[in-house]
Amino acid sequence: SVGIGPFVVGPAVERKMGKAAFAQLSIDATTWRSANWARGKGLYAEVYPDTDGMDESIKRLAESLVESNPQAMAELKKTCWQGTDHWDTLLAERAAISGELVLSDFTKKAIQQFKKK
């Protein structure tokens, strides 16, 4: 641990996974989590064993989206992003927290130790 946290990316990750999963991921940040774990927590919609499967699914989705009503999709996008109007302010506040932590003695020492490895 270098003494910082996921403050800037946090709102987006928390929105996808929920508060409990985000807290688990953030607090126990040094434990590796698999793609299937992340999918189970809502971070990923789908997981593929190879790039061919992923590419095929992306193509299928793109073809489906091309056929969708653009107005309906725009309204759906607004609905899906409801509750994020304050993010400009929130992200600036979180960036300030990250900036303070990066300048802390704890983080400076941790970065120096990391550089020695």
PDB file of N, CA and C in Angstrom:
ATOM      1  N   SER A   1       0.838  -1.188   0.000  1.00  0.00           N
ATOM      2  CA  SER A   1       0.000   0.000   0.000  1.00  0.00           C
ATOM      3  C   SER A   1       0.875   1.241   0.000  1.00  0.00           C
ATOM      4  N   VAL A   2       0.536   2.162  -0.868  1.00  0.00           N
ATOM      5  CA  VAL A   2       1.303   3.406  -0.933  1.00  0.00           C
ATOM      6  C   VAL A   2       0.604   4.534  -0.187  1.00  0.00           C
ATOM      7  N   GLY A   3      -0.510   4.250   0.444  1.00  0.00           N
ATOM      8  CA  GLY A   3      -1.139   5.245   1.289  1.00  0.00           C
ATOM      9  C   GLY A   3      -2.127   6.169   0.618  1.00  0.00           C
ATOM     10  N   ILE A   4      -2.612   5.777  -0.534  1.00  0.00           N
ATOM     11  CA  ILE A   4      -3.666   6.554  -1.188  1.00  0.00           C
ATOM     12  C   ILE A   4      -4.867   5.641  -1.361  1.00  0.00           C
ATOM     13  N   GLY A   5      -5.944   6.155  -1.860  1.00  0.00           N
ATOM     14  CA  GLY A   5      -7.141   5.347  -2.053  1.00  0.00           C
ATOM     15  C   GLY A   5      -7.796   5.659  -3.378  1.00  0.00           C
ATOM     16  N   PRO A   6      -8.830   4.911  -3.715  1.00  0.00           N
ATOM     17  CA  PRO A   6      -9.519   5.095  -5.002  1.00  0.00           C
ATOM     18  C   PRO A   6     -10.541   6.227  -4.959  1.00  0.00           C
ATOM     19  N   PHE A   7     -10.090   7.399  -4.567  1.00  0.00           N
ATOM     20  CA  PHE A   7     -11.033   8.491  -4.350  1.00  0.00           C
ATOM     21  C   PHE A   7     -11.609   9.051  -5.644  1.00  0.00           C
ATOM     22  N   VAL A   8     -10.804   9.172  -6.681  1.00  0.00           N
ATOM     23  CA  VAL A   8     -11.291   9.761  -7.930  1.00  0.00           C
ATOM     24  C   VAL A   8     -12.137   8.758  -8.716  1.00  0.00           C
ATOM     25  N   VAL A   9     -11.671   7.521  -8.831  1.00  0.00           N
ATOM     26  CA  VAL A   9     -12.446   6.513  -9.569  1.00  0.00           C
ATOM     27  C   VAL A   9     -13.570   5.939  -8.721  1.00  0.00           C
ATOM     28  N   GLY A  10     -13.522   6.191  -7.423  1.00  0.00           N
ATOM     29  CA  GLY A  10     -14.483   5.608  -6.498  1.00  0.00           C
ATOM     30  C   GLY A  10     -15.942   5.789  -6.855  1.00  0.00           C
ATOM     31  N   PRO A  11     -16.392   6.993  -7.180  1.00  0.00           N
ATOM     32  CA  PRO A  11     -17.818   7.153  -7.476  1.00  0.00           C
ATOM     33  C   PRO A  11     -18.304   6.268  -8.632  1.00  0.00           C
ATOM     34  N   ALA A  12     -17.501   6.146  -9.670  1.00  0.00           N
ATOM     35  CA  ALA A  12     -17.914   5.319 -10.813  1.00  0.00           C
ATOM     36  C   ALA A  12     -17.916   3.838 -10.444  1.00  0.00           C
ATOM     37  N   VAL A  13     -16.890   3.402  -9.730  1.00  0.00           N
ATOM     38  CA  VAL A  13     -16.808   1.990  -9.337  1.00  0.00           C
ATOM     39  C   VAL A  13     -17.915   1.665  -8.333  1.00  0.00           C
ATOM     40  N   GLU A  14     -18.115   2.547  -7.364  1.00  0.00           N
ATOM     41  CA  GLU A  14     -19.165   2.329  -6.365  1.00  0.00           C
ATOM     42  C   GLU A  14     -20.545   2.288  -7.013  1.00  0.00           C
ATOM     43  N   ARG A  15     -20.756   3.121  -8.006  1.00  0.00           N
ATOM     44  CA  ARG A  15     -22.041   3.147  -8.715  1.00  0.00           C
ATOM     45  C   ARG A  15     -22.311   1.814  -9.401  1.00  0.00           C
ATOM     46  N   LYS A  16     -21.265   1.210  -9.956  1.00  0.00           N
ATOM     47  CA  LYS A  16     -21.412  -0.078 -10.640  1.00  0.00           C
ATOM     48  C   LYS A  16     -21.575  -1.238  -9.659  1.00  0.00           C
ATOM     49  N   MET A  17     -20.769  -1.252  -8.591  1.00  0.00           N
ATOM     50  CA  MET A  17     -20.698  -2.411  -7.711  1.00  0.00           C
ATOM     51  C   MET A  17     -21.577  -2.318  -6.475  1.00  0.00           C
ATOM     52  N   GLY A  18     -21.890  -1.103  -6.069  1.00  0.00           N
ATOM     53  CA  GLY A  18     -22.566  -0.907  -4.797  1.00  0.00           C
ATOM     54  C   GLY A  18     -21.553  -0.590  -3.706  1.00  0.00           C
ATOM     55  N   LYS A  19     -22.051  -0.006  -2.649  1.00  0.00           N
ATOM     56  CA  LYS A  19     -21.193   0.469  -1.566  1.00  0.00           C
ATOM     57  C   LYS A  19     -20.442  -0.671  -0.869  1.00  0.00           C
ATOM     58  N   ALA A  20     -21.115  -1.777  -0.597  1.00  0.00           N
ATOM     59  CA  ALA A  20     -20.481  -2.878   0.136  1.00  0.00           C
ATOM     60  C   ALA A  20     -19.330  -3.497  -0.657  1.00  0.00           C
ATOM     61  N   ALA A  21     -19.553  -3.787  -1.931  1.00  0.00           N
ATOM     62  CA  ALA A  21     -18.491  -4.382  -2.752  1.00  0.00           C
ATOM     63  C   ALA A  21     -17.347  -3.399  -2.961  1.00  0.00           C
ATOM     64  N   PHE A  22     -17.673  -2.117  -3.139  1.00  0.00           N
ATOM     65  CA  PHE A  22     -16.629  -1.102  -3.285  1.00  0.00           C
ATOM     66  C   PHE A  22     -15.791  -1.016  -2.015  1.00  0.00           C
ATOM     67  N   ALA A  23     -16.445  -1.052  -0.863  1.00  0.00           N
ATOM     68  CA  ALA A  23     -15.715  -1.011   0.407  1.00  0.00           C
ATOM     69  C   ALA A  23     -14.813  -2.233   0.540  1.00  0.00           C
ATOM     70  N   GLN A  24     -15.322  -3.408   0.194  1.00  0.00           N
ATOM     71  CA  GLN A  24     -14.518  -4.631   0.259  1.00  0.00           C
ATOM     72  C   GLN A  24     -13.294  -4.520  -0.634  1.00  0.00           C
ATOM     73  N   LEU A  25     -13.494  -4.059  -1.837  1.00  0.00           N
ATOM     74  CA  LEU A  25     -12.405  -3.922  -2.801  1.00  0.00           C
ATOM     75  C   LEU A  25     -11.393  -2.872  -2.350  1.00  0.00           C
ATOM     76  N   SER A  26     -11.866  -1.789  -1.786  1.00  0.00           N
ATOM     77  CA  SER A  26     -10.990  -0.685  -1.381  1.00  0.00           C
ATOM     78  C   SER A  26     -10.219  -0.980  -0.103  1.00  0.00           C
ATOM     79  N   ILE A  27     -10.904  -1.526   0.887  1.00  0.00           N
ATOM     80  CA  ILE A  27     -10.270  -1.777   2.179  1.00  0.00           C
ATOM     81  C   ILE A  27      -9.271  -2.921   2.088  1.00  0.00           C
ATOM     82  N   ASP A  28      -9.610  -3.967   1.358  1.00  0.00           N
ATOM     83  CA  ASP A  28      -8.710  -5.114   1.183  1.00  0.00           C
ATOM     84  C   ASP A  28      -8.122  -5.064  -0.224  1.00  0.00           C
ATOM     85  N   ALA A  29      -7.478  -3.955  -0.531  1.00  0.00           N
ATOM     86  CA  ALA A  29      -7.034  -3.666  -1.897  1.00  0.00           C
ATOM     87  C   ALA A  29      -5.887  -4.539  -2.380  1.00  0.00           C
ATOM     88  N   THR A  30      -5.172  -5.189  -1.481  1.00  0.00           N
ATOM     89  CA  THR A  30      -4.032  -5.999  -1.919  1.00  0.00           C
ATOM     90  C   THR A  30      -4.419  -7.436  -2.253  1.00  0.00           C
ATOM     91  N   THR A  31      -5.670  -7.803  -2.019  1.00  0.00           N
ATOM     92  CA  THR A  31      -6.132  -9.147  -2.370  1.00  0.00           C
ATOM     93  C   THR A  31      -6.619  -9.152  -3.812  1.00  0.00           C
ATOM     94  N   TRP A  32      -6.099 -10.084  -4.607  1.00  0.00           N
ATOM     95  CA  TRP A  32      -6.480 -10.198  -6.010  1.00  0.00           C
ATOM     96  C   TRP A  32      -7.913 -10.689  -6.128  1.00  0.00           C
ATOM     97  N   ARG A  33      -8.672 -10.082  -7.014  1.00  0.00           N
ATOM     98  CA  ARG A  33     -10.038 -10.509  -7.315  1.00  0.00           C
ATOM     99  C   ARG A  33     -10.104 -10.895  -8.787  1.00  0.00           C
ATOM    100  N   SER A  34     -10.792 -11.973  -9.082  1.00  0.00           N
ATOM    101  CA  SER A  34     -10.901 -12.451 -10.463  1.00  0.00           C
ATOM    102  C   SER A  34     -11.943 -11.649 -11.235  1.00  0.00           C
ATOM    103  N   ALA A  35     -11.907 -11.801 -12.546  1.00  0.00           N
ATOM    104  CA  ALA A  35     -12.906 -11.158 -13.400  1.00  0.00           C
ATOM    105  C   ALA A  35     -14.303 -11.677 -13.063  1.00  0.00           C
ATOM    106  N   ASN A  36     -14.411 -12.957 -12.731  1.00  0.00           N
ATOM    107  CA  ASN A  36     -15.719 -13.503 -12.369  1.00  0.00           C
ATOM    108  C   ASN A  36     -16.224 -12.924 -11.050  1.00  0.00           C
ATOM    109  N   TRP A  37     -15.320 -12.661 -10.105  1.00  0.00           N
ATOM    110  CA  TRP A  37     -15.710 -11.988  -8.864  1.00  0.00           C
ATOM    111  C   TRP A  37     -16.286 -10.616  -9.201  1.00  0.00           C
ATOM    112  N   ALA A  38     -15.577  -9.878 -10.048  1.00  0.00           N
ATOM    113  CA  ALA A  38     -16.012  -8.533 -10.433  1.00  0.00           C
ATOM    114  C   ALA A  38     -17.349  -8.581 -11.174  1.00  0.00           C
ATOM    115  N   ARG A  39     -17.539  -9.584 -12.018  1.00  0.00           N
ATOM    116  CA  ARG A  39     -18.823  -9.733 -12.722  1.00  0.00           C
ATOM    117  C   ARG A  39     -19.944 -10.003 -11.722  1.00  0.00           C
ATOM    118  N   GLY A  40     -19.671 -10.843 -10.751  1.00  0.00           N
ATOM    119  CA  GLY A  40     -20.666 -11.151  -9.727  1.00  0.00           C
ATOM    120  C   GLY A  40     -21.061  -9.944  -8.893  1.00  0.00           C
ATOM    121  N   LYS A  41     -20.162  -8.980  -8.796  1.00  0.00           N
ATOM    122  CA  LYS A  41     -20.432  -7.756  -8.036  1.00  0.00           C
ATOM    123  C   LYS A  41     -20.973  -6.641  -8.925  1.00  0.00           C
ATOM    124  N   GLY A  42     -21.128  -6.907 -10.225  1.00  0.00           N
ATOM    125  CA  GLY A  42     -21.714  -5.924 -11.128  1.00  0.00           C
ATOM    126  C   GLY A  42     -20.731  -5.013 -11.836  1.00  0.00           C
ATOM    127  N   LEU A  43     -19.429  -5.221 -11.628  1.00  0.00           N
ATOM    128  CA  LEU A  43     -18.454  -4.359 -12.290  1.00  0.00           C
ATOM    129  C   LEU A  43     -18.393  -4.653 -13.786  1.00  0.00           C
ATOM    130  N   TYR A  44     -18.511  -5.916 -14.148  1.00  0.00           N
ATOM    131  CA  TYR A  44     -18.553  -6.321 -15.555  1.00  0.00           C
ATOM    132  C   TYR A  44     -19.911  -6.941 -15.843  1.00  0.00           C
ATOM    133  N   ALA A  45     -20.417  -6.713 -17.045  1.00  0.00           N
ATOM    134  CA  ALA A  45     -21.675  -7.341 -17.450  1.00  0.00           C
ATOM    135  C   ALA A  45     -21.434  -8.772 -17.920  1.00  0.00           C
ATOM    136  N   GLU A  46     -20.318  -8.978 -18.600  1.00  0.00           N
ATOM    137  CA  GLU A  46     -19.994 -10.292 -19.144  1.00  0.00           C
ATOM    138  C   GLU A  46     -18.491 -10.513 -19.054  1.00  0.00           C
ATOM    139  N   VAL A  47     -18.097 -11.785 -18.984  1.00  0.00           N
ATOM    140  CA  VAL A  47     -16.687 -12.173 -18.975  1.00  0.00           C
ATOM    141  C   VAL A  47     -16.521 -13.277 -20.011  1.00  0.00           C
ATOM    142  N   TYR A  48     -15.445 -13.216 -20.770  1.00  0.00           N
ATOM    143  CA  TYR A  48     -15.215 -14.179 -21.849  1.00  0.00           C
ATOM    144  C   TYR A  48     -13.889 -14.894 -21.650  1.00  0.00           C
ATOM    145  N   PRO A  49     -13.817 -16.141 -22.096  1.00  0.00           N
ATOM    146  CA  PRO A  49     -12.558 -16.883 -21.947  1.00  0.00           C
ATOM    147  C   PRO A  49     -11.476 -16.435 -22.927  1.00  0.00           C
ATOM    148  N   ASP A  50     -11.899 -15.753 -24.000  1.00  0.00           N
ATOM    149  CA  ASP A  50     -10.909 -15.317 -24.995  1.00  0.00           C
ATOM    150  C   ASP A  50     -11.420 -14.078 -25.733  1.00  0.00           C
ATOM    151  N   THR A  51     -10.522 -13.465 -26.497  1.00  0.00           N
ATOM    152  CA  THR A  51     -10.888 -12.230 -27.201  1.00  0.00           C
ATOM    153  C   THR A  51     -11.871 -12.488 -28.335  1.00  0.00           C
ATOM    154  N   ASP A  52     -11.838 -13.681 -28.921  1.00  0.00           N
ATOM    155  CA  ASP A  52     -12.797 -13.980 -29.991  1.00  0.00           C
ATOM    156  C   ASP A  52     -14.233 -13.927 -29.470  1.00  0.00           C
ATOM    157  N   GLY A  53     -14.465 -14.529 -28.315  1.00  0.00           N
ATOM    158  CA  GLY A  53     -15.796 -14.492 -27.718  1.00  0.00           C
ATOM    159  C   GLY A  53     -16.221 -13.081 -27.366  1.00  0.00           C
ATOM    160  N   MET A  54     -15.277 -12.311 -26.847  1.00  0.00           N
ATOM    161  CA  MET A  54     -15.568 -10.915 -26.510  1.00  0.00           C
ATOM    162  C   MET A  54     -15.894 -10.118 -27.768  1.00  0.00           C
ATOM    163  N   ASP A  55     -15.073 -10.281 -28.810  1.00  0.00           N
ATOM    164  CA  ASP A  55     -15.301  -9.560 -30.064  1.00  0.00           C
ATOM    165  C   ASP A  55     -16.660  -9.900 -30.667  1.00  0.00           C
ATOM    166  N   GLU A  56     -17.032 -11.175 -30.610  1.00  0.00           N
ATOM    167  CA  GLU A  56     -18.324 -11.609 -31.147  1.00  0.00           C
ATOM    168  C   GLU A  56     -19.476 -10.949 -30.381  1.00  0.00           C
ATOM    169  N   SER A  57     -19.354 -10.887 -29.071  1.00  0.00           N
ATOM    170  CA  SER A  57     -20.396 -10.264 -28.261  1.00  0.00           C
ATOM    171  C   SER A  57     -20.477  -8.759 -28.508  1.00  0.00           C
ATOM    172  N   ILE A  58     -19.325  -8.109 -28.657  1.00  0.00           N
ATOM    173  CA  ILE A  58     -19.308  -6.671 -28.952  1.00  0.00           C
ATOM    174  C   ILE A  58     -19.980  -6.403 -30.292  1.00  0.00           C
ATOM    175  N   LYS A  59     -19.684  -7.238 -31.279  1.00  0.00           N
ATOM    176  CA  LYS A  59     -20.288  -7.078 -32.605  1.00  0.00           C
ATOM    177  C   LYS A  59     -21.804  -7.241 -32.525  1.00  0.00           C
ATOM    178  N   ARG A  60     -22.247  -8.255 -31.788  1.00  0.00           N
ATOM    179  CA  ARG A  60     -23.685  -8.494 -31.631  1.00  0.00           C
ATOM    180  C   ARG A  60     -24.357  -7.295 -30.973  1.00  0.00           C
ATOM    181  N   LEU A  61     -23.747  -6.772 -29.911  1.00  0.00           N
ATOM    182  CA  LEU A  61     -24.321  -5.623 -29.215  1.00  0.00           C
ATOM    183  C   LEU A  61     -24.334  -4.388 -30.111  1.00  0.00           C
ATOM    184  N   ALA A  62     -23.249  -4.145 -30.831  1.00  0.00           N
ATOM    185  CA  ALA A  62     -23.179  -2.979 -31.723  1.00  0.00           C
ATOM    186  C   ALA A  62     -24.263  -3.056 -32.794  1.00  0.00           C
ATOM    187  N   GLU A  63     -24.456  -4.237 -33.362  1.00  0.00           N
ATOM    188  CA  GLU A  63     -25.492  -4.413 -34.382  1.00  0.00           C
ATOM    189  C   GLU A  63     -26.879  -4.163 -33.791  1.00  0.00           C
ATOM    190  N   SER A  64     -27.087  -4.593 -32.566  1.00  0.00           N
ATOM    191  CA  SER A  64     -28.366  -4.365 -31.895  1.00  0.00           C
ATOM    192  C   SER A  64     -28.582  -2.880 -31.617  1.00  0.00           C
ATOM    193  N   LEU A  65     -27.537  -2.194 -31.181  1.00  0.00           N
ATOM    194  CA  LEU A  65     -27.654  -0.767 -30.871  1.00  0.00           C
ATOM    195  C   LEU A  65     -27.933   0.067 -32.113  1.00  0.00           C
ATOM    196  N   VAL A  66     -27.364  -0.330 -33.243  1.00  0.00           N
ATOM    197  CA  VAL A  66     -27.597   0.387 -34.503  1.00  0.00           C
ATOM    198  C   VAL A  66     -29.078   0.355 -34.867  1.00  0.00           C
ATOM    199  N   GLU A  67     -29.752  -0.704 -34.519  1.00  0.00           N
ATOM    200  CA  GLU A  67     -31.170  -0.865 -34.843  1.00  0.00           C
ATOM    201  C   GLU A  67     -32.093  -0.209 -33.816  1.00  0.00           C
ATOM    202  N   SER A  68     -31.545   0.279 -32.716  1.00  0.00           N
ATOM    203  CA  SER A  68     -32.360   0.859 -31.643  1.00  0.00           C
ATOM    204  C   SER A  68     -32.808   2.276 -31.983  1.00  0.00           C
ATOM    205  N   ASN A  69     -33.901   2.682 -31.388  1.00  0.00           N
ATOM    206  CA  ASN A  69     -34.425   4.037 -31.545  1.00  0.00           C
ATOM    207  C   ASN A  69     -33.471   5.007 -30.836  1.00  0.00           C
ATOM    208  N   PRO A  70     -32.832   5.926 -31.571  1.00  0.00           N
ATOM    209  CA  PRO A  70     -31.871   6.847 -30.948  1.00  0.00           C
ATOM    210  C   PRO A  70     -32.477   7.690 -29.828  1.00  0.00           C
ATOM    211  N   GLN A  71     -33.717   8.121 -30.001  1.00  0.00           N
ATOM    212  CA  GLN A  71     -34.362   8.932 -28.969  1.00  0.00           C
ATOM    213  C   GLN A  71     -34.579   8.104 -27.700  1.00  0.00           C
ATOM    214  N   ALA A  72     -35.020   6.880 -27.882  1.00  0.00           N
ATOM    215  CA  ALA A  72     -35.229   6.003 -26.724  1.00  0.00           C
ATOM    216  C   ALA A  72     -33.903   5.724 -26.017  1.00  0.00           C
ATOM    217  N   MET A  73     -32.844   5.529 -26.786  1.00  0.00           N
ATOM    218  CA  MET A  73     -31.532   5.270 -26.191  1.00  0.00           C
ATOM    219  C   MET A  73     -31.018   6.492 -25.435  1.00  0.00           C
ATOM    220  N   ALA A  74     -31.260   7.690 -25.973  1.00  0.00           N
ATOM    221  CA  ALA A  74     -30.842   8.924 -25.291  1.00  0.00           C
ATOM    222  C   ALA A  74     -31.580   9.071 -23.961  1.00  0.00           C
ATOM    223  N   GLU A  75     -32.874   8.762 -23.959  1.00  0.00           N
ATOM    224  CA  GLU A  75     -33.653   8.845 -22.719  1.00  0.00           C
ATOM    225  C   GLU A  75     -33.198   7.787 -21.720  1.00  0.00           C
ATOM    226  N   LEU A  76     -32.884   6.605 -22.223  1.00  0.00           N
ATOM    227  CA  LEU A  76     -32.387   5.537 -21.355  1.00  0.00           C
ATOM    228  C   LEU A  76     -31.060   5.940 -20.710  1.00  0.00           C
ATOM    229  N   LYS A  77     -30.195   6.563 -21.501  1.00  0.00           N
ATOM    230  CA  LYS A  77     -28.906   7.028 -20.981  1.00  0.00           C
ATOM    231  C   LYS A  77     -29.120   8.041 -19.859  1.00  0.00           C
ATOM    232  N   LYS A  78     -30.042   8.972 -20.050  1.00  0.00           N
ATOM    233  CA  LYS A  78     -30.347   9.953 -18.995  1.00  0.00           C
ATOM    234  C   LYS A  78     -30.815   9.248 -17.725  1.00  0.00           C
ATOM    235  N   THR A  79     -31.692   8.267 -17.902  1.00  0.00           N
ATOM    236  CA  THR A  79     -32.219   7.524 -16.761  1.00  0.00           C
ATOM    237  C   THR A  79     -31.107   6.775 -16.030  1.00  0.00           C
ATOM    238  N   CYS A  80     -30.247   6.133 -16.792  1.00  0.00           N
ATOM    239  CA  CYS A  80     -29.167   5.343 -16.190  1.00  0.00           C
ATOM    240  C   CYS A  80     -28.165   6.206 -15.430  1.00  0.00           C
ATOM    241  N   TRP A  81     -27.998   7.451 -15.828  1.00  0.00           N
ATOM    242  CA  TRP A  81     -27.017   8.335 -15.196  1.00  0.00           C
ATOM    243  C   TRP A  81     -27.646   9.293 -14.193  1.00  0.00           C
ATOM    244  N   GLN A  82     -28.928   9.076 -13.853  1.00  0.00           N
ATOM    245  CA  GLN A  82     -29.565   9.913 -12.837  1.00  0.00           C
ATOM    246  C   GLN A  82     -28.776   9.830 -11.535  1.00  0.00           C
ATOM    247  N   GLY A  83     -28.721  10.946 -10.839  1.00  0.00           N
ATOM    248  CA  GLY A  83     -28.041  10.956  -9.552  1.00  0.00           C
ATOM    249  C   GLY A  83     -26.552  11.233  -9.636  1.00  0.00           C
ATOM    250  N   THR A  84     -26.069  11.589 -10.820  1.00  0.00           N
ATOM    251  CA  THR A  84     -24.637  11.870 -10.979  1.00  0.00           C
ATOM    252  C   THR A  84     -24.374  13.339 -11.303  1.00  0.00           C
ATOM    253  N   ASP A  85     -25.393  14.167 -11.191  1.00  0.00           N
ATOM    254  CA  ASP A  85     -25.251  15.586 -11.537  1.00  0.00           C
ATOM    255  C   ASP A  85     -24.187  16.291 -10.699  1.00  0.00           C
ATOM    256  N   HIS A  86     -23.945  15.805  -9.512  1.00  0.00           N
ATOM    257  CA  HIS A  86     -22.987  16.429  -8.600  1.00  0.00           C
ATOM    258  C   HIS A  86     -21.547  15.937  -8.792  1.00  0.00           C
ATOM    259  N   TRP A  87     -21.321  15.076  -9.758  1.00  0.00           N
ATOM    260  CA  TRP A  87     -20.006  14.450  -9.901  1.00  0.00           C
ATOM    261  C   TRP A  87     -18.888  15.440 -10.227  1.00  0.00           C
ATOM    262  N   ASP A  88     -19.161  16.504 -10.953  1.00  0.00           N
ATOM    263  CA  ASP A  88     -18.091  17.469 -11.236  1.00  0.00           C
ATOM    264  C   ASP A  88     -17.485  17.982  -9.936  1.00  0.00           C
ATOM    265  N   THR A  89     -18.344  18.357  -9.008  1.00  0.00           N
ATOM    266  CA  THR A  89     -17.877  18.841  -7.707  1.00  0.00           C
ATOM    267  C   THR A  89     -17.254  17.707  -6.900  1.00  0.00           C
ATOM    268  N   LEU A  90     -17.923  16.562  -6.881  1.00  0.00           N
ATOM    269  CA  LEU A  90     -17.438  15.414  -6.115  1.00  0.00           C
ATOM    270  C   LEU A  90     -16.053  14.977  -6.579  1.00  0.00           C
ATOM    271  N   LEU A  91     -15.855  14.881  -7.887  1.00  0.00           N
ATOM    272  CA  LEU A  91     -14.562  14.428  -8.400  1.00  0.00           C
ATOM    273  C   LEU A  91     -13.452  15.424  -8.089  1.00  0.00           C
ATOM    274  N   ALA A  92     -13.768  16.704  -8.112  1.00  0.00           N
ATOM    275  CA  ALA A  92     -12.768  17.714  -7.735  1.00  0.00           C
ATOM    276  C   ALA A  92     -12.406  17.575  -6.258  1.00  0.00           C
ATOM    277  N   GLU A  93     -13.407  17.342  -5.415  1.00  0.00           N
ATOM    278  CA  GLU A  93     -13.148  17.141  -3.984  1.00  0.00           C
ATOM    279  C   GLU A  93     -12.300  15.894  -3.756  1.00  0.00           C
ATOM    280  N   ARG A  94     -12.632  14.823  -4.468  1.00  0.00           N
ATOM    281  CA  ARG A  94     -11.882  13.574  -4.318  1.00  0.00           C
ATOM    282  C   ARG A  94     -10.456  13.716  -4.837  1.00  0.00           C
ATOM    283  N   ALA A  95     -10.273  14.464  -5.909  1.00  0.00           N
ATOM    284  CA  ALA A  95      -8.923  14.706  -6.432  1.00  0.00           C
ATOM    285  C   ALA A  95      -8.092  15.470  -5.405  1.00  0.00           C
ATOM    286  N   ALA A  96      -8.716  16.400  -4.702  1.00  0.00           N
ATOM    287  CA  ALA A  96      -8.012  17.146  -3.655  1.00  0.00           C
ATOM    288  C   ALA A  96      -7.573  16.212  -2.529  1.00  0.00           C
ATOM    289  N   ILE A  97      -8.426  15.266  -2.159  1.00  0.00           N
ATOM    290  CA  ILE A  97      -8.061  14.277  -1.137  1.00  0.00           C
ATOM    291  C   ILE A  97      -6.859  13.468  -1.614  1.00  0.00           C
ATOM    292  N   SER A  98      -6.914  12.991  -2.856  1.00  0.00           N
ATOM    293  CA  SER A  98      -5.791  12.223  -3.410  1.00  0.00           C
ATOM    294  C   SER A  98      -4.515  13.048  -3.410  1.00  0.00           C
ATOM    295  N   GLY A  99      -4.631  14.310  -3.792  1.00  0.00           N
ATOM    296  CA  GLY A  99      -3.465  15.187  -3.810  1.00  0.00           C
ATOM    297  C   GLY A  99      -2.849  15.352  -2.435  1.00  0.00           C
ATOM    298  N   GLU A 100      -3.685  15.525  -1.418  1.00  0.00           N
ATOM    299  CA  GLU A 100      -3.182  15.647  -0.046  1.00  0.00           C
ATOM    300  C   GLU A 100      -2.490  14.369   0.394  1.00  0.00           C
ATOM    301  N   LEU A 101      -3.091  13.228   0.078  1.00  0.00           N
ATOM    302  CA  LEU A 101      -2.505  11.952   0.489  1.00  0.00           C
ATOM    303  C   LEU A 101      -1.178  11.683  -0.207  1.00  0.00           C
ATOM    304  N   VAL A 102      -1.077  12.030  -1.475  1.00  0.00           N
ATOM    305  CA  VAL A 102       0.168  11.818  -2.217  1.00  0.00           C
ATOM    306  C   VAL A 102       1.302  12.625  -1.597  1.00  0.00           C
ATOM    307  N   LEU A 103       0.972  13.763  -1.028  1.00  0.00           N
ATOM    308  CA  LEU A 103       1.986  14.625  -0.419  1.00  0.00           C
ATOM    309  C   LEU A 103       2.262  14.289   1.046  1.00  0.00           C
ATOM    310  N   SER A 104       1.543  13.318   1.608  1.00  0.00           N
ATOM    311  CA  SER A 104       1.740  12.970   3.017  1.00  0.00           C
ATOM    312  C   SER A 104       3.063  12.237   3.216  1.00  0.00           C
ATOM    313  N   ASP A 105       3.593  12.311   4.431  1.00  0.00           N
ATOM    314  CA  ASP A 105       4.845  11.621   4.754  1.00  0.00           C
ATOM    315  C   ASP A 105       4.710  10.117   4.546  1.00  0.00           C
ATOM    316  N   PHE A 106       3.569   9.556   4.939  1.00  0.00           N
ATOM    317  CA  PHE A 106       3.347   8.118   4.794  1.00  0.00           C
ATOM    318  C   PHE A 106       3.512   7.691   3.338  1.00  0.00           C
ATOM    319  N   THR A 107       2.850   8.405   2.446  1.00  0.00           N
ATOM    320  CA  THR A 107       2.887   8.049   1.025  1.00  0.00           C
ATOM    321  C   THR A 107       4.263   8.291   0.425  1.00  0.00           C
ATOM    322  N   LYS A 108       4.904   9.374   0.791  1.00  0.00           N
ATOM    323  CA  LYS A 108       6.261   9.635   0.290  1.00  0.00           C
ATOM    324  C   LYS A 108       7.206   8.506   0.680  1.00  0.00           C
ATOM    325  N   LYS A 109       7.113   8.047   1.933  1.00  0.00           N
ATOM    326  CA  LYS A 109       7.962   6.935   2.395  1.00  0.00           C
ATOM    327  C   LYS A 109       7.625   5.651   1.641  1.00  0.00           C
ATOM    328  N   ALA A 110       6.340   5.391   1.452  1.00  0.00           N
ATOM    329  CA  ALA A 110       5.916   4.178   0.744  1.00  0.00           C
ATOM    330  C   ALA A 110       6.416   4.188  -0.693  1.00  0.00           C
ATOM    331  N   ILE A 111       6.369   5.330  -1.338  1.00  0.00           N
ATOM    332  CA  ILE A 111       6.847   5.430  -2.724  1.00  0.00           C
ATOM    333  C   ILE A 111       8.356   5.236  -2.777  1.00  0.00           C
ATOM    334  N   GLN A 112       9.070   5.783  -1.821  1.00  0.00           N
ATOM    335  CA  GLN A 112      10.526   5.591  -1.773  1.00  0.00           C
ATOM    336  C   GLN A 112      10.869   4.116  -1.577  1.00  0.00           C
ATOM    337  N   GLN A 113      10.142   3.431  -0.708  1.00  0.00           N
ATOM    338  CA  GLN A 113      10.362   1.995  -0.497  1.00  0.00           C
ATOM    339  C   GLN A 113      10.075   1.214  -1.779  1.00  0.00           C
ATOM    340  N   PHE A 114       9.035   1.591  -2.474  1.00  0.00           N
ATOM    341  CA  PHE A 114       8.676   0.929  -3.728  1.00  0.00           C
ATOM    342  C   PHE A 114       9.774   1.118  -4.771  1.00  0.00           C
ATOM    343  N   LYS A 115      10.334   2.310  -4.839  1.00  0.00           N
ATOM    344  CA  LYS A 115      11.397   2.603  -5.808  1.00  0.00           C
ATOM    345  C   LYS A 115      12.651   1.789  -5.537  1.00  0.00           C
ATOM    346  N   LYS A 116      12.885   1.422  -4.278  1.00  0.00           N
ATOM    347  CA  LYS A 116      14.069   0.650  -3.908  1.00  0.00           C
ATOM    348  C   LYS A 116      13.969  -0.806  -4.350  1.00  0.00           C
ATOM    349  N   LYS A 117      12.775  -1.283  -4.614  1.00  0.00           N
ATOM    350  CA  LYS A 117      12.578  -2.696  -4.999  1.00  0.00           C
ATOM    351  C   LYS A 117      13.059  -2.973  -6.395  1.00  0.00           C
TER     352      LYS A 117
END
